[in-house]
Amino acid sequence: MRHVGSVNDAAGRAAPTQRAQSVTPEGRPIAPIIDGVWIRQAITHPDERGSVCEIMSESWDDKPLVHVYEIGIRPGVVKGWVKHELQDDRLFIASGSIRVVLYDDRDESPTRGLVTQHCFDEHSRALLCIPERVWHAVENIGISDARLINCPTRAYDHEVPDKWELPLYTDLIPFSF
């Protein structure tokens, strides 16, 4: 079982902590974001027949839409760490509850060294753009399978995949699951 919330002090006693601000009064997150990352909240349009939700449009990004595939992640599983040298990932969170952790180790980036976390579920579906060369891992924090749809900016090359991997537990990324 994963515990979330307050921590114990040095002697092991429960220590109350005041929660820090996480959003503006308008509901916008205040956490820093890695350079080049963007999030487009999904809007579902329901009517008496059902619903429709747009996943990706070329008008949202100047990079091409060339390849689309679905990713499934079982409850409690973390997929990652991975990065791409030549493509951006554009992940649409279709269903389930997930946490996406990003780490920027790009030498020229103004956010080099930054680790960010983004949580999504059926109530906060979105398209998350992860720029090339940014490490990322996706954790299913829910109780059912999570489904994501990726619309990368480059078609998959089966002979020479643009996929670089690290073990989940590595000293090269300052984050622990």
C-alpha atoms as a PDB file:
ATOM      1  CA  MET A   1       0.000   0.000   0.000  1.00  0.00           C
ATOM      2  CA  ARG A   2       1.262   3.439  -0.902  1.00  0.00           C
ATOM      3  CA  HIS A   3       0.971   6.156   1.737  1.00  0.00           C
ATOM      4  CA  VAL A   4       0.393   9.732   0.702  1.00  0.00           C
ATOM      5  CA  GLY A   5       0.323  12.732   3.011  1.00  0.00           C
ATOM      6  CA  SER A   6       2.162  14.014   6.055  1.00  0.00           C
ATOM      7  CA  VAL A   7       5.520  12.624   7.119  1.00  0.00           C
ATOM      8  CA  ASN A   8       7.060  11.705  10.450  1.00  0.00           C
ATOM      9  CA  ASP A   9       9.702  13.820  12.169  1.00  0.00           C
ATOM     10  CA  ALA A  10      13.258  12.629  12.873  1.00  0.00           C
ATOM     11  CA  ALA A  11      12.092  10.747  15.993  1.00  0.00           C
ATOM     12  CA  GLY A  12       9.414   8.914  14.004  1.00  0.00           C
ATOM     13  CA  ARG A  13       6.485  10.876  15.455  1.00  0.00           C
ATOM     14  CA  ALA A  14       3.694  12.190  13.259  1.00  0.00           C
ATOM     15  CA  ALA A  15       4.431  15.816  12.450  1.00  0.00           C
ATOM     16  CA  PRO A  16       1.638  18.028  11.133  1.00  0.00           C
ATOM     17  CA  THR A  17       2.530  20.120   8.125  1.00  0.00           C
ATOM     18  CA  GLN A  18       0.630  22.910   6.467  1.00  0.00           C
ATOM     19  CA  ARG A  19      -0.243  22.159   2.868  1.00  0.00           C
ATOM     20  CA  ALA A  20       1.416  24.492   0.352  1.00  0.00           C
ATOM     21  CA  GLN A  21      -0.558  26.267  -2.349  1.00  0.00           C
ATOM     22  CA  SER A  22      -0.892  24.099  -5.459  1.00  0.00           C
ATOM     23  CA  VAL A  23      -3.310  26.074  -7.659  1.00  0.00           C
ATOM     24  CA  THR A  24      -4.322  29.678  -8.252  1.00  0.00           C
ATOM     25  CA  PRO A  25      -7.795  30.879  -7.248  1.00  0.00           C
ATOM     26  CA  GLU A  26      -8.729  30.230 -10.913  1.00  0.00           C
ATOM     27  CA  GLY A  27      -7.658  26.573 -10.567  1.00  0.00           C
ATOM     28  CA  ARG A  28      -4.426  26.769 -12.570  1.00  0.00           C
ATOM     29  CA  PRO A  29      -1.457  24.772 -11.221  1.00  0.00           C
ATOM     30  CA  ILE A  30       1.382  26.901  -9.864  1.00  0.00           C
ATOM     31  CA  ALA A  31       4.089  24.220 -10.036  1.00  0.00           C
ATOM     32  CA  PRO A  32       6.912  24.924 -12.483  1.00  0.00           C
ATOM     33  CA  ILE A  33       6.749  23.113 -15.794  1.00  0.00           C
ATOM     34  CA  ILE A  34       9.609  21.715 -17.851  1.00  0.00           C
ATOM     35  CA  ASP A  35      10.567  23.813 -20.873  1.00  0.00           C
ATOM     36  CA  GLY A  36       8.657  22.614 -23.940  1.00  0.00           C
ATOM     37  CA  VAL A  37       6.061  20.591 -22.020  1.00  0.00           C
ATOM     38  CA  TRP A  38       2.462  21.576 -22.602  1.00  0.00           C
ATOM     39  CA  ILE A  39      -0.875  20.236 -21.435  1.00  0.00           C
ATOM     40  CA  ARG A  40      -4.177  20.695 -23.239  1.00  0.00           C
ATOM     41  CA  GLN A  41      -7.159  19.803 -21.087  1.00  0.00           C
ATOM     42  CA  ALA A  42      -9.657  17.591 -22.896  1.00  0.00           C
ATOM     43  CA  ILE A  43     -13.257  18.674 -23.179  1.00  0.00           C
ATOM     44  CA  THR A  44     -15.963  16.039 -23.463  1.00  0.00           C
ATOM     45  CA  HIS A  45     -19.114  17.101 -25.286  1.00  0.00           C
ATOM     46  CA  PRO A  46     -22.046  14.956 -24.100  1.00  0.00           C
ATOM     47  CA  ASP A  47     -25.534  14.859 -25.535  1.00  0.00           C
ATOM     48  CA  GLU A  48     -28.481  12.446 -25.536  1.00  0.00           C
ATOM     49  CA  ARG A  49     -26.669  10.169 -28.039  1.00  0.00           C
ATOM     50  CA  GLY A  50     -23.416   9.845 -26.097  1.00  0.00           C
ATOM     51  CA  SER A  51     -20.282  11.972 -26.126  1.00  0.00           C
ATOM     52  CA  VAL A  52     -17.298  13.066 -28.186  1.00  0.00           C
ATOM     53  CA  CYS A  53     -13.844  14.116 -26.997  1.00  0.00           C
ATOM     54  CA  GLU A  54     -11.132  15.451 -29.284  1.00  0.00           C
ATOM     55  CA  ILE A  55      -7.759  13.745 -28.803  1.00  0.00           C
ATOM     56  CA  MET A  56      -5.387  15.582 -31.174  1.00  0.00           C
ATOM     57  CA  SER A  57      -5.558  18.209 -33.876  1.00  0.00           C
ATOM     58  CA  GLU A  58      -2.756  19.522 -36.076  1.00  0.00           C
ATOM     59  CA  SER A  59      -4.009  23.011 -35.212  1.00  0.00           C
ATOM     60  CA  TRP A  60      -2.801  22.458 -31.622  1.00  0.00           C
ATOM     61  CA  ASP A  61       0.828  21.781 -32.556  1.00  0.00           C
ATOM     62  CA  ASP A  62       2.970  22.747 -35.550  1.00  0.00           C
ATOM     63  CA  LYS A  63       4.599  19.301 -35.617  1.00  0.00           C
ATOM     64  CA  PRO A  64       3.043  16.615 -37.842  1.00  0.00           C
ATOM     65  CA  LEU A  65       0.595  13.915 -36.830  1.00  0.00           C
ATOM     66  CA  VAL A  66       2.252  10.826 -38.324  1.00  0.00           C
ATOM     67  CA  HIS A  67       1.654   7.857 -36.044  1.00  0.00           C
ATOM     68  CA  VAL A  68      -0.936   6.912 -33.396  1.00  0.00           C
ATOM     69  CA  TYR A  69      -0.945   3.994 -30.969  1.00  0.00           C
ATOM     70  CA  GLU A  70      -2.549   2.916 -27.698  1.00  0.00           C
ATOM     71  CA  ILE A  71      -0.727   2.076 -24.457  1.00  0.00           C
ATOM     72  CA  GLY A  72      -2.219   0.000 -21.650  1.00  0.00           C
ATOM     73  CA  ILE A  73      -0.817  -0.003 -18.115  1.00  0.00           C
ATOM     74  CA  ARG A  74      -1.998  -2.398 -15.419  1.00  0.00           C
ATOM     75  CA  PRO A  75      -2.722  -1.148 -11.860  1.00  0.00           C
ATOM     76  CA  GLY A  76       0.411  -0.556  -9.791  1.00  0.00           C
ATOM     77  CA  VAL A  77       2.745  -0.763 -12.807  1.00  0.00           C
ATOM     78  CA  VAL A  78       5.273   1.911 -13.750  1.00  0.00           C
ATOM     79  CA  LYS A  79       6.455   2.140 -17.366  1.00  0.00           C
ATOM     80  CA  GLY A  80       9.705   4.030 -17.784  1.00  0.00           C
ATOM     81  CA  TRP A  81      12.215   5.601 -17.650  1.00  0.00           C
ATOM     82  CA  VAL A  82      12.306   6.395 -21.354  1.00  0.00           C
ATOM     83  CA  LYS A  83      13.247   9.295 -23.608  1.00  0.00           C
ATOM     84  CA  HIS A  84      13.395   9.917 -27.344  1.00  0.00           C
ATOM     85  CA  GLU A  85      16.153  11.795 -29.158  1.00  0.00           C
ATOM     86  CA  LEU A  86      14.171  12.631 -32.312  1.00  0.00           C
ATOM     87  CA  GLN A  87      10.502  12.876 -31.371  1.00  0.00           C
ATOM     88  CA  ASP A  88       8.054  14.447 -28.970  1.00  0.00           C
ATOM     89  CA  ASP A  89       5.464  12.224 -27.326  1.00  0.00           C
ATOM     90  CA  ARG A  90       1.914  13.567 -27.229  1.00  0.00           C
ATOM     91  CA  LEU A  91       0.094  11.384 -24.714  1.00  0.00           C
ATOM     92  CA  PHE A  92      -3.681  11.513 -24.435  1.00  0.00           C
ATOM     93  CA  ILE A  93      -4.924  10.087 -21.163  1.00  0.00           C
ATOM     94  CA  ALA A  94      -8.057   8.196 -22.213  1.00  0.00           C
ATOM     95  CA  SER A  95      -8.961   6.286 -19.041  1.00  0.00           C
ATOM     96  CA  GLY A  96      -7.609   5.249 -15.673  1.00  0.00           C
ATOM     97  CA  SER A  97      -5.662   7.156 -13.044  1.00  0.00           C
ATOM     98  CA  ILE A  98      -2.021   7.851 -13.791  1.00  0.00           C
ATOM     99  CA  ARG A  99       0.948   9.856 -12.619  1.00  0.00           C
ATOM    100  CA  VAL A 100       3.445  11.020 -15.241  1.00  0.00           C
ATOM    101  CA  VAL A 101       6.881  11.941 -13.904  1.00  0.00           C
ATOM    102  CA  LEU A 102       9.197  14.006 -16.108  1.00  0.00           C
ATOM    103  CA  TYR A 103      12.893  14.764 -15.686  1.00  0.00           C
ATOM    104  CA  ASP A 104      14.794  17.328 -17.743  1.00  0.00           C
ATOM    105  CA  ASP A 105      18.509  16.581 -18.122  1.00  0.00           C
ATOM    106  CA  ARG A 106      18.994  18.516 -21.397  1.00  0.00           C
ATOM    107  CA  ASP A 107      22.203  20.559 -21.151  1.00  0.00           C
ATOM    108  CA  GLU A 108      20.791  23.605 -22.946  1.00  0.00           C
ATOM    109  CA  SER A 109      17.411  23.648 -21.175  1.00  0.00           C
ATOM    110  CA  PRO A 110      16.487  26.491 -18.797  1.00  0.00           C
ATOM    111  CA  THR A 111      14.729  23.869 -16.646  1.00  0.00           C
ATOM    112  CA  ARG A 112      17.640  21.398 -16.544  1.00  0.00           C
ATOM    113  CA  GLY A 113      17.442  19.318 -13.358  1.00  0.00           C
ATOM    114  CA  LEU A 114      13.701  19.879 -12.851  1.00  0.00           C
ATOM    115  CA  VAL A 115      11.486  16.921 -11.938  1.00  0.00           C
ATOM    116  CA  THR A 116       7.727  17.364 -12.327  1.00  0.00           C
ATOM    117  CA  GLN A 117       4.715  15.182 -11.625  1.00  0.00           C
ATOM    118  CA  HIS A 118       1.348  15.359 -13.380  1.00  0.00           C
ATOM    119  CA  CYS A 119      -1.707  13.315 -12.349  1.00  0.00           C
ATOM    120  CA  PHE A 120      -4.653  12.562 -14.614  1.00  0.00           C
ATOM    121  CA  ASP A 121      -7.864  10.546 -14.430  1.00  0.00           C
ATOM    122  CA  GLU A 122     -11.279  10.363 -16.115  1.00  0.00           C
ATOM    123  CA  HIS A 123     -12.150  13.761 -14.609  1.00  0.00           C
ATOM    124  CA  SER A 124      -8.978  15.462 -15.830  1.00  0.00           C
ATOM    125  CA  ARG A 125      -8.212  13.904 -19.194  1.00  0.00           C
ATOM    126  CA  ALA A 126      -5.670  15.811 -21.249  1.00  0.00           C
ATOM    127  CA  LEU A 127      -3.124  15.753 -24.035  1.00  0.00           C
ATOM    128  CA  LEU A 128       0.377  15.963 -22.535  1.00  0.00           C
ATOM    129  CA  CYS A 129       3.261  16.919 -24.830  1.00  0.00           C
ATOM    130  CA  ILE A 130       6.664  15.624 -23.704  1.00  0.00           C
ATOM    131  CA  PRO A 131       9.503  17.122 -25.757  1.00  0.00           C
ATOM    132  CA  GLU A 132      12.321  15.069 -27.190  1.00  0.00           C
ATOM    133  CA  ARG A 133      15.152  14.234 -24.770  1.00  0.00           C
ATOM    134  CA  VAL A 134      12.974  14.588 -21.635  1.00  0.00           C
ATOM    135  CA  TRP A 135      12.936  11.440 -19.494  1.00  0.00           C
ATOM    136  CA  HIS A 136       9.482  10.202 -18.558  1.00  0.00           C
ATOM    137  CA  ALA A 137       7.774   7.419 -16.647  1.00  0.00           C
ATOM    138  CA  VAL A 138       4.069   6.669 -16.306  1.00  0.00           C
ATOM    139  CA  GLU A 139       2.612   5.038 -13.191  1.00  0.00           C
ATOM    140  CA  ASN A 140      -0.885   3.592 -12.972  1.00  0.00           C
ATOM    141  CA  ILE A 141      -2.037   4.824  -9.563  1.00  0.00           C
ATOM    142  CA  GLY A 142      -5.589   3.520 -10.017  1.00  0.00           C
ATOM    143  CA  ILE A 143      -7.388   0.225  -9.501  1.00  0.00           C
ATOM    144  CA  SER A 144      -8.138  -0.530 -13.151  1.00  0.00           C
ATOM    145  CA  ASP A 145      -6.107  -0.607 -16.360  1.00  0.00           C
ATOM    146  CA  ALA A 146      -5.093   2.817 -17.684  1.00  0.00           C
ATOM    147  CA  ARG A 147      -5.280   3.606 -21.396  1.00  0.00           C
ATOM    148  CA  LEU A 148      -3.214   6.256 -23.143  1.00  0.00           C
ATOM    149  CA  ILE A 149      -3.082   7.182 -26.797  1.00  0.00           C
ATOM    150  CA  ASN A 150       0.253   8.435 -28.107  1.00  0.00           C
ATOM    151  CA  CYS A 151       0.499  10.708 -31.153  1.00  0.00           C
ATOM    152  CA  PRO A 152       4.290  11.069 -31.480  1.00  0.00           C
ATOM    153  CA  THR A 153       5.825  13.552 -33.888  1.00  0.00           C
ATOM    154  CA  ARG A 154       7.741  10.798 -35.694  1.00  0.00           C
ATOM    155  CA  ALA A 155       6.590   7.428 -37.002  1.00  0.00           C
ATOM    156  CA  TYR A 156       7.965   4.418 -35.147  1.00  0.00           C
ATOM    157  CA  ASP A 157      11.060   2.876 -36.737  1.00  0.00           C
ATOM    158  CA  HIS A 158      10.886  -0.840 -35.944  1.00  0.00           C
ATOM    159  CA  GLU A 159      14.478  -1.454 -37.082  1.00  0.00           C
ATOM    160  CA  VAL A 160      16.065   1.422 -35.135  1.00  0.00           C
ATOM    161  CA  PRO A 161      13.658   2.547 -32.401  1.00  0.00           C
ATOM    162  CA  ASP A 162      14.134   6.102 -31.119  1.00  0.00           C
ATOM    163  CA  LYS A 163      13.786   4.884 -27.553  1.00  0.00           C
ATOM    164  CA  TRP A 164      16.382   5.217 -24.815  1.00  0.00           C
ATOM    165  CA  GLU A 165      15.730   3.496 -21.492  1.00  0.00           C
ATOM    166  CA  LEU A 166      16.975   3.565 -17.916  1.00  0.00           C
ATOM    167  CA  PRO A 167      16.085   1.222 -15.058  1.00  0.00           C
ATOM    168  CA  LEU A 168      13.218   2.447 -12.892  1.00  0.00           C
ATOM    169  CA  TYR A 169      15.560   2.829  -9.918  1.00  0.00           C
ATOM    170  CA  THR A 170      18.577   4.815 -11.072  1.00  0.00           C
ATOM    171  CA  ASP A 171      20.892   7.417  -9.559  1.00  0.00           C
ATOM    172  CA  LEU A 172      20.719   9.362 -12.834  1.00  0.00           C
ATOM    173  CA  ILE A 173      17.182  10.643 -12.121  1.00  0.00           C
ATOM    174  CA  PRO A 174      16.468  12.291  -8.741  1.00  0.00           C
ATOM    175  CA  PHE A 175      13.115  10.596  -8.172  1.00  0.00           C
ATOM    176  CA  SER A 176      11.922   7.414  -6.452  1.00  0.00           C
ATOM    177  CA  PHE A 177       8.641   5.623  -7.016  1.00  0.00           C
END
